[in-house]
Amino acid sequence: MDYTKDIAAYFERLKTTIDRIDKEDLSGLMNILVDAKDSGRQVFIMGNGGSSATASHYVCDFNKGVSLGEEKKFKFICLNDNIPSLMAYANDLSFEDVFVEQLKSFYKEGDVVIGISGSGNSKNVLKAIRHANEHGGLTVGLTGYDGGELKRITRYGVHIPIDDMQIAEDLHMVLDHCMMKILCQYNACV
């Protein structure tokens, strides 16, 4: 079977969507993150499913990739990386509480809280973002589709304007690598 036409169609949708991403929104997010680093504030990040893998990847790229050898370092914390904690909160409270309960333990006013949700409607992400909003946080949403509720309740965001979960997730990861690559131009990153 020859899948070339299907591959070309997918790549074309990906390229078209890249051109529709608001570059000023991405620049704004970079400024928020650099300001958090320079101020010593933490950046909490979270997501479900594929977005959880993306959140973990951001932590690696910012804490090690952009920060290695730097005096001031990024302080990213991924709220979906500790499986025992997630399962304990999900079992004893609810899955909607897995992120917000961790924030209650570690969050400080002024910290940045990033929610990644292709649909923008992940209840556990929304609950954590609302908590951060109510306690003086800088909230950021990385969304797809119409942005869902996440786009409406975060103070900042980068929206991937496409009704396709896989392309939205692809481009959330591209945002990470784009920011990392640019920030490394100003640091001695590897």
C-alpha atoms as a PDB file:
ATOM      1  CA  MET A   1       0.000   0.000   0.000  1.00  0.00           C
ATOM      2  CA  ASP A   2       1.233   3.468  -0.847  1.00  0.00           C
ATOM      3  CA  TYR A   3       0.490   6.025   1.903  1.00  0.00           C
ATOM      4  CA  THR A   4       2.295   8.937   0.230  1.00  0.00           C
ATOM      5  CA  LYS A   5      -0.843  10.986  -0.485  1.00  0.00           C
ATOM      6  CA  ASP A   6      -2.058  10.592   3.091  1.00  0.00           C
ATOM      7  CA  ILE A   7       1.346  11.570   4.459  1.00  0.00           C
ATOM      8  CA  ALA A   8       1.478  14.606   2.162  1.00  0.00           C
ATOM      9  CA  ALA A   9      -2.027  15.661   3.255  1.00  0.00           C
ATOM     10  CA  TYR A  10      -1.100  15.408   6.950  1.00  0.00           C
ATOM     11  CA  PHE A  11       2.101  17.386   6.438  1.00  0.00           C
ATOM     12  CA  GLU A  12       0.203  20.028   4.462  1.00  0.00           C
ATOM     13  CA  ARG A  13      -2.325  20.480   7.302  1.00  0.00           C
ATOM     14  CA  LEU A  14       0.588  20.741   9.735  1.00  0.00           C
ATOM     15  CA  LYS A  15       2.367  23.406   7.651  1.00  0.00           C
ATOM     16  CA  THR A  16      -0.841  25.398   7.125  1.00  0.00           C
ATOM     17  CA  THR A  17      -1.563  25.365  10.848  1.00  0.00           C
ATOM     18  CA  ILE A  18       1.956  26.519  11.751  1.00  0.00           C
ATOM     19  CA  ASP A  19       1.373  29.631   9.658  1.00  0.00           C
ATOM     20  CA  ARG A  20      -1.826  30.365  11.638  1.00  0.00           C
ATOM     21  CA  ILE A  21      -0.179  30.307  15.094  1.00  0.00           C
ATOM     22  CA  ASP A  22       0.007  33.780  16.634  1.00  0.00           C
ATOM     23  CA  LYS A  23       3.741  34.451  16.907  1.00  0.00           C
ATOM     24  CA  GLU A  24       3.159  37.382  19.289  1.00  0.00           C
ATOM     25  CA  ASP A  25       1.389  35.026  21.708  1.00  0.00           C
ATOM     26  CA  LEU A  26       4.413  32.711  21.625  1.00  0.00           C
ATOM     27  CA  SER A  27       6.797  35.635  22.156  1.00  0.00           C
ATOM     28  CA  GLY A  28       4.647  36.721  25.115  1.00  0.00           C
ATOM     29  CA  LEU A  29       4.885  33.234  26.618  1.00  0.00           C
ATOM     30  CA  MET A  30       8.662  33.292  26.231  1.00  0.00           C
ATOM     31  CA  ASN A  31       8.809  36.610  28.094  1.00  0.00           C
ATOM     32  CA  ILE A  32       6.662  35.168  30.908  1.00  0.00           C
ATOM     33  CA  LEU A  33       8.975  32.171  31.219  1.00  0.00           C
ATOM     34  CA  VAL A  34      12.194  34.207  31.127  1.00  0.00           C
ATOM     35  CA  ASP A  35      10.756  36.598  33.719  1.00  0.00           C
ATOM     36  CA  ALA A  36       9.864  33.620  35.953  1.00  0.00           C
ATOM     37  CA  LYS A  37      13.428  32.309  35.649  1.00  0.00           C
ATOM     38  CA  ASP A  38      14.965  35.709  36.367  1.00  0.00           C
ATOM     39  CA  SER A  39      12.651  36.191  39.378  1.00  0.00           C
ATOM     40  CA  GLY A  40      13.262  32.694  40.764  1.00  0.00           C
ATOM     41  CA  ARG A  41       9.621  31.693  40.372  1.00  0.00           C
ATOM     42  CA  GLN A  42       8.483  28.160  39.643  1.00  0.00           C
ATOM     43  CA  VAL A  43       6.721  27.066  36.465  1.00  0.00           C
ATOM     44  CA  PHE A  44       4.183  24.301  36.987  1.00  0.00           C
ATOM     45  CA  ILE A  45       3.080  22.422  33.876  1.00  0.00           C
ATOM     46  CA  MET A  46       0.501  19.672  33.342  1.00  0.00           C
ATOM     47  CA  GLY A  47      -1.528  17.749  30.814  1.00  0.00           C
ATOM     48  CA  ASN A  48      -3.312  14.453  30.217  1.00  0.00           C
ATOM     49  CA  GLY A  49      -2.504  11.709  27.707  1.00  0.00           C
ATOM     50  CA  GLY A  50      -0.195  12.942  24.959  1.00  0.00           C
ATOM     51  CA  SER A  51      -0.176  16.375  26.595  1.00  0.00           C
ATOM     52  CA  SER A  52       1.299  14.833  29.742  1.00  0.00           C
ATOM     53  CA  ALA A  53       4.253  13.603  27.693  1.00  0.00           C
ATOM     54  CA  THR A  54       4.617  17.079  26.220  1.00  0.00           C
ATOM     55  CA  ALA A  55       4.555  18.625  29.702  1.00  0.00           C
ATOM     56  CA  SER A  56       7.339  16.260  30.810  1.00  0.00           C
ATOM     57  CA  HIS A  57       9.363  17.127  27.723  1.00  0.00           C
ATOM     58  CA  TYR A  58       9.085  20.862  28.484  1.00  0.00           C
ATOM     59  CA  VAL A  59      10.572  20.192  31.935  1.00  0.00           C
ATOM     60  CA  CYS A  60      13.572  18.408  30.438  1.00  0.00           C
ATOM     61  CA  ASP A  61      14.184  21.027  27.765  1.00  0.00           C
ATOM     62  CA  PHE A  62      13.928  24.026  30.096  1.00  0.00           C
ATOM     63  CA  ASN A  63      15.479  22.656  33.300  1.00  0.00           C
ATOM     64  CA  LYS A  64      18.403  21.004  31.550  1.00  0.00           C
ATOM     65  CA  GLY A  65      18.485  22.161  27.946  1.00  0.00           C
ATOM     66  CA  VAL A  66      18.139  25.905  28.422  1.00  0.00           C
ATOM     67  CA  SER A  67      19.478  26.073  31.989  1.00  0.00           C
ATOM     68  CA  LEU A  68      22.649  23.970  31.853  1.00  0.00           C
ATOM     69  CA  GLY A  69      25.628  26.094  32.736  1.00  0.00           C
ATOM     70  CA  GLU A  70      23.495  29.132  33.557  1.00  0.00           C
ATOM     71  CA  GLU A  71      23.628  30.879  36.917  1.00  0.00           C
ATOM     72  CA  LYS A  72      19.871  31.451  36.930  1.00  0.00           C
ATOM     73  CA  LYS A  73      17.917  28.381  35.973  1.00  0.00           C
ATOM     74  CA  PHE A  74      14.363  27.570  34.994  1.00  0.00           C
ATOM     75  CA  LYS A  75      12.380  25.833  37.751  1.00  0.00           C
ATOM     76  CA  PHE A  76       9.839  23.750  35.841  1.00  0.00           C
ATOM     77  CA  ILE A  77       7.808  21.172  37.779  1.00  0.00           C
ATOM     78  CA  CYS A  78       5.591  18.706  35.932  1.00  0.00           C
ATOM     79  CA  LEU A  79       2.449  17.877  37.909  1.00  0.00           C
ATOM     80  CA  ASN A  80       1.791  14.673  35.986  1.00  0.00           C
ATOM     81  CA  ASP A  81       5.172  13.008  36.525  1.00  0.00           C
ATOM     82  CA  ASN A  82       4.667  11.442  39.974  1.00  0.00           C
ATOM     83  CA  ILE A  83       2.399   8.462  39.270  1.00  0.00           C
ATOM     84  CA  PRO A  84       1.964   7.377  42.922  1.00  0.00           C
ATOM     85  CA  SER A  85       0.834  10.890  43.903  1.00  0.00           C
ATOM     86  CA  LEU A  86      -1.534  11.078  40.951  1.00  0.00           C
ATOM     87  CA  MET A  87      -3.056   7.706  41.786  1.00  0.00           C
ATOM     88  CA  ALA A  88      -3.406   8.542  45.476  1.00  0.00           C
ATOM     89  CA  TYR A  89      -5.272  11.778  44.755  1.00  0.00           C
ATOM     90  CA  ALA A  90      -7.382  10.119  42.053  1.00  0.00           C
ATOM     91  CA  ASN A  91      -8.267   7.209  44.349  1.00  0.00           C
ATOM     92  CA  ASP A  92      -8.858   9.158  47.553  1.00  0.00           C
ATOM     93  CA  LEU A  93     -10.419  12.315  46.090  1.00  0.00           C
ATOM     94  CA  SER A  94     -11.046  12.354  42.329  1.00  0.00           C
ATOM     95  CA  PHE A  95      -9.170  12.535  39.048  1.00  0.00           C
ATOM     96  CA  GLU A  96     -10.234  16.193  38.837  1.00  0.00           C
ATOM     97  CA  ASP A  97      -8.073  16.891  41.905  1.00  0.00           C
ATOM     98  CA  VAL A  98      -4.775  15.306  40.814  1.00  0.00           C
ATOM     99  CA  PHE A  99      -3.167  18.608  39.779  1.00  0.00           C
ATOM    100  CA  VAL A 100      -4.810  21.148  42.079  1.00  0.00           C
ATOM    101  CA  GLU A 101      -3.896  19.202  45.232  1.00  0.00           C
ATOM    102  CA  GLN A 102      -0.223  19.238  44.249  1.00  0.00           C
ATOM    103  CA  LEU A 103      -0.420  22.974  43.573  1.00  0.00           C
ATOM    104  CA  LYS A 104      -1.839  23.495  47.047  1.00  0.00           C
ATOM    105  CA  SER A 105       1.368  21.995  48.443  1.00  0.00           C
ATOM    106  CA  PHE A 106       3.979  23.767  46.312  1.00  0.00           C
ATOM    107  CA  TYR A 107       2.495  26.805  44.556  1.00  0.00           C
ATOM    108  CA  LYS A 108       3.492  30.319  45.642  1.00  0.00           C
ATOM    109  CA  GLU A 109       1.843  33.539  44.555  1.00  0.00           C
ATOM    110  CA  GLY A 110       3.336  34.757  41.272  1.00  0.00           C
ATOM    111  CA  ASP A 111       4.334  31.303  40.045  1.00  0.00           C
ATOM    112  CA  VAL A 112       3.475  30.375  36.460  1.00  0.00           C
ATOM    113  CA  VAL A 113       0.989  27.554  35.881  1.00  0.00           C
ATOM    114  CA  ILE A 114       0.748  26.093  32.373  1.00  0.00           C
ATOM    115  CA  GLY A 115      -2.084  23.817  31.318  1.00  0.00           C
ATOM    116  CA  ILE A 116      -1.806  21.845  28.087  1.00  0.00           C
ATOM    117  CA  SER A 117      -5.079  20.562  26.668  1.00  0.00           C
ATOM    118  CA  GLY A 118      -5.842  19.952  23.014  1.00  0.00           C
ATOM    119  CA  SER A 119      -9.568  20.384  23.629  1.00  0.00           C
ATOM    120  CA  GLY A 120      -9.129  23.014  26.321  1.00  0.00           C
ATOM    121  CA  ASN A 121     -11.677  21.204  28.466  1.00  0.00           C
ATOM    122  CA  SER A 122      -9.681  18.836  30.709  1.00  0.00           C
ATOM    123  CA  LYS A 123     -11.405  19.201  34.079  1.00  0.00           C
ATOM    124  CA  ASN A 124      -8.320  18.493  36.180  1.00  0.00           C
ATOM    125  CA  VAL A 125      -6.296  21.086  34.262  1.00  0.00           C
ATOM    126  CA  LEU A 126      -9.103  23.647  34.544  1.00  0.00           C
ATOM    127  CA  LYS A 127      -9.394  23.113  38.305  1.00  0.00           C
ATOM    128  CA  ALA A 128      -5.666  23.737  38.796  1.00  0.00           C
ATOM    129  CA  ILE A 129      -5.742  26.832  36.572  1.00  0.00           C
ATOM    130  CA  ARG A 130      -8.695  28.259  38.509  1.00  0.00           C
ATOM    131  CA  HIS A 131      -6.788  27.708  41.769  1.00  0.00           C
ATOM    132  CA  ALA A 132      -3.753  29.550  40.399  1.00  0.00           C
ATOM    133  CA  ASN A 133      -5.945  32.399  39.115  1.00  0.00           C
ATOM    134  CA  GLU A 134      -7.541  32.747  42.550  1.00  0.00           C
ATOM    135  CA  HIS A 135      -4.124  32.867  44.239  1.00  0.00           C
ATOM    136  CA  GLY A 136      -2.235  35.395  42.110  1.00  0.00           C
ATOM    137  CA  GLY A 137      -0.748  33.072  39.522  1.00  0.00           C
ATOM    138  CA  LEU A 138       0.273  33.721  35.954  1.00  0.00           C
ATOM    139  CA  THR A 139      -1.770  31.162  34.061  1.00  0.00           C
ATOM    140  CA  VAL A 140      -1.068  29.952  30.552  1.00  0.00           C
ATOM    141  CA  GLY A 141      -3.073  27.665  28.294  1.00  0.00           C
ATOM    142  CA  LEU A 142      -1.721  25.709  25.343  1.00  0.00           C
ATOM    143  CA  THR A 143      -4.810  24.661  23.407  1.00  0.00           C
ATOM    144  CA  GLY A 144      -6.202  23.381  20.121  1.00  0.00           C
ATOM    145  CA  TYR A 145      -9.706  23.205  18.582  1.00  0.00           C
ATOM    146  CA  ASP A 146     -11.583  26.361  19.687  1.00  0.00           C
ATOM    147  CA  GLY A 147      -9.472  26.601  22.843  1.00  0.00           C
ATOM    148  CA  GLY A 148     -12.272  25.419  25.097  1.00  0.00           C
ATOM    149  CA  GLU A 149     -12.658  26.780  28.588  1.00  0.00           C
ATOM    150  CA  LEU A 150      -8.889  26.770  29.142  1.00  0.00           C
ATOM    151  CA  LYS A 151      -8.410  29.497  26.546  1.00  0.00           C
ATOM    152  CA  ARG A 152     -11.107  31.569  28.212  1.00  0.00           C
ATOM    153  CA  ILE A 153      -9.866  31.312  31.818  1.00  0.00           C
ATOM    154  CA  THR A 154      -6.086  31.594  31.410  1.00  0.00           C
ATOM    155  CA  ARG A 155      -4.438  35.000  31.412  1.00  0.00           C
ATOM    156  CA  TYR A 156      -2.108  34.073  28.556  1.00  0.00           C
ATOM    157  CA  GLY A 157      -2.052  31.388  25.949  1.00  0.00           C
ATOM    158  CA  VAL A 158      -0.920  30.001  22.655  1.00  0.00           C
ATOM    159  CA  HIS A 159      -3.731  28.518  20.630  1.00  0.00           C
ATOM    160  CA  ILE A 160      -3.236  25.983  17.847  1.00  0.00           C
ATOM    161  CA  PRO A 161      -6.164  26.823  15.542  1.00  0.00           C
ATOM    162  CA  ILE A 162      -7.131  23.390  14.233  1.00  0.00           C
ATOM    163  CA  ASP A 163      -9.785  20.784  15.009  1.00  0.00           C
ATOM    164  CA  ASP A 164      -7.312  17.910  15.027  1.00  0.00           C
ATOM    165  CA  MET A 165      -5.886  16.512  18.265  1.00  0.00           C
ATOM    166  CA  GLN A 166      -2.746  15.035  16.728  1.00  0.00           C
ATOM    167  CA  ILE A 167      -1.730  18.213  14.907  1.00  0.00           C
ATOM    168  CA  ALA A 168      -2.509  20.314  18.005  1.00  0.00           C
ATOM    169  CA  GLU A 169      -0.318  17.987  20.087  1.00  0.00           C
ATOM    170  CA  ASP A 170       2.425  17.994  17.432  1.00  0.00           C
ATOM    171  CA  LEU A 171       2.539  21.762  17.495  1.00  0.00           C
ATOM    172  CA  HIS A 172       2.481  22.071  21.286  1.00  0.00           C
ATOM    173  CA  MET A 173       5.745  20.130  21.148  1.00  0.00           C
ATOM    174  CA  VAL A 174       7.045  22.345  18.336  1.00  0.00           C
ATOM    175  CA  LEU A 175       6.387  25.379  20.562  1.00  0.00           C
ATOM    176  CA  ASP A 176       8.677  23.848  23.191  1.00  0.00           C
ATOM    177  CA  HIS A 177      11.513  23.224  20.760  1.00  0.00           C
ATOM    178  CA  CYS A 178      11.077  26.634  19.127  1.00  0.00           C
ATOM    179  CA  MET A 179      11.322  28.423  22.477  1.00  0.00           C
ATOM    180  CA  MET A 180      14.245  26.263  23.576  1.00  0.00           C
ATOM    181  CA  LYS A 181      16.174  26.872  20.361  1.00  0.00           C
ATOM    182  CA  ILE A 182      15.638  30.638  20.505  1.00  0.00           C
ATOM    183  CA  LEU A 183      16.497  30.918  24.206  1.00  0.00           C
ATOM    184  CA  CYS A 184      19.637  28.866  23.623  1.00  0.00           C
ATOM    185  CA  GLN A 185      20.820  31.523  21.185  1.00  0.00           C
ATOM    186  CA  TYR A 186      21.135  33.817  24.213  1.00  0.00           C
ATOM    187  CA  ASN A 187      22.679  31.189  26.510  1.00  0.00           C
ATOM    188  CA  ALA A 188      25.466  28.662  26.153  1.00  0.00           C
ATOM    189  CA  CYS A 189      23.051  25.743  25.621  1.00  0.00           C
ATOM    190  CA  VAL A 190      24.003  22.483  24.078  1.00  0.00           C
END
